[in-house]
Amino acid sequence: MMILDKNWKNFLAANEVYKHNQLKFKSRPRLTRYKNKITGINIVVYTTQAISKRQLKKGIINPSKTGIYLKTFEIMTAVRANCR
């Protein structure tokens, strides 16, 4: 939900800028297209506090208090220095 909220805020801000100066854009800003709930790939965001450190050292990602175990080669990880 945090990603959805961020996407909407960015879209609305881009629309305001587009209304005042269309030369900054190649085309009109559009909403992000989301994948199908059943057949698409879902984005899941976990902070480093929510992942078991003991399992991560073994090459397994295990979100805390879940029965989910993923080998690290099965996922893509993105690390940001400034998480808000």
Protein backbone atom coordinates (compact mmCIF):
# COMPACT_ATOMS: atom_id res chain seq x y z
CA MET A 1 0.00 0.00 0.00
CA MET A 2 2.93 2.32 0.65
CA ILE A 3 4.09 1.92 -2.96
CA LEU A 4 0.58 2.58 -4.27
CA ASP A 5 0.33 5.74 -2.16
CA LYS A 6 3.74 6.95 -3.33
CA ASN A 7 2.84 6.28 -6.98
CA TRP A 8 -0.40 8.28 -6.71
CA LYS A 9 1.34 11.21 -5.01
CA ASN A 10 4.05 11.28 -7.70
CA PHE A 11 1.43 11.04 -10.46
CA LEU A 12 -0.61 13.94 -9.05
CA ALA A 13 2.51 16.07 -8.56
CA ALA A 14 3.64 15.36 -12.13
CA ASN A 15 0.19 16.32 -13.42
CA GLU A 16 0.40 19.70 -11.68
CA VAL A 17 3.82 20.40 -13.20
CA TYR A 18 2.56 19.23 -16.61
CA LYS A 19 -0.37 21.69 -16.45
CA HIS A 20 2.01 24.62 -15.93
CA ASN A 21 4.87 23.62 -18.24
CA GLN A 22 4.31 20.87 -20.82
CA LEU A 23 7.79 21.29 -22.28
CA LYS A 24 9.34 19.42 -19.35
CA PHE A 25 7.62 16.19 -20.45
CA LYS A 26 7.68 14.08 -23.60
CA SER A 27 4.02 13.11 -23.06
CA ARG A 28 1.23 13.43 -20.50
CA PRO A 29 2.01 11.69 -17.17
CA ARG A 30 0.25 8.35 -16.75
CA LEU A 31 -0.47 6.11 -13.79
CA THR A 32 1.72 3.09 -13.19
CA ARG A 33 0.34 -0.08 -14.73
CA TYR A 34 0.02 -2.92 -12.26
CA LYS A 35 0.29 -6.61 -12.99
CA ASN A 36 -2.60 -9.05 -12.79
CA LYS A 37 -3.22 -10.22 -9.19
CA ILE A 38 -3.12 -13.91 -10.12
CA THR A 39 -0.69 -14.22 -13.03
CA GLY A 40 1.51 -11.18 -12.42
CA ILE A 41 4.56 -10.67 -10.24
CA ASN A 42 3.88 -8.91 -6.97
CA ILE A 43 6.16 -6.39 -5.31
CA VAL A 44 6.73 -6.97 -1.62
CA VAL A 45 8.76 -4.53 0.44
CA TYR A 46 10.39 -5.63 3.70
CA THR A 47 12.70 -3.54 5.83
CA THR A 48 15.90 -5.10 7.14
CA GLN A 49 14.29 -5.31 10.58
CA ALA A 50 11.58 -7.66 9.26
CA ILE A 51 13.99 -10.26 7.83
CA SER A 52 15.58 -12.99 9.96
CA LYS A 53 19.33 -12.28 10.15
CA ARG A 54 20.15 -15.87 11.11
CA GLN A 55 18.46 -17.27 7.99
CA LEU A 56 19.91 -14.54 5.77
CA LYS A 57 23.45 -15.65 6.67
CA LYS A 58 22.50 -19.11 5.32
CA GLY A 59 21.33 -17.58 2.02
CA ILE A 60 17.64 -17.84 2.86
CA ILE A 61 15.26 -14.92 3.20
CA ASN A 62 12.65 -15.52 5.91
CA PRO A 63 10.33 -12.64 6.80
CA SER A 64 9.88 -12.73 10.57
CA LYS A 65 6.89 -14.65 11.97
CA THR A 66 5.98 -16.18 8.60
CA GLY A 67 6.44 -19.63 7.15
CA ILE A 68 7.92 -18.20 3.94
CA TYR A 69 11.47 -19.29 3.00
CA LEU A 70 13.09 -18.04 -0.22
CA LYS A 71 16.58 -18.77 -1.47
CA THR A 72 18.36 -15.54 -2.30
CA PHE A 73 18.71 -16.37 -6.00
CA GLU A 74 14.91 -16.55 -6.34
CA ILE A 75 14.37 -12.86 -5.63
CA MET A 76 15.74 -9.50 -6.61
CA THR A 77 16.83 -7.26 -3.77
CA ALA A 78 17.03 -3.51 -3.87
CA VAL A 79 18.88 -1.66 -1.16
CA ARG A 80 18.34 2.02 -0.53
CA ALA A 81 20.51 4.05 1.77
CA ASN A 82 17.81 6.63 2.54
CA CYS A 83 14.63 4.76 3.41
CA ARG A 84 11.88 7.11 4.53
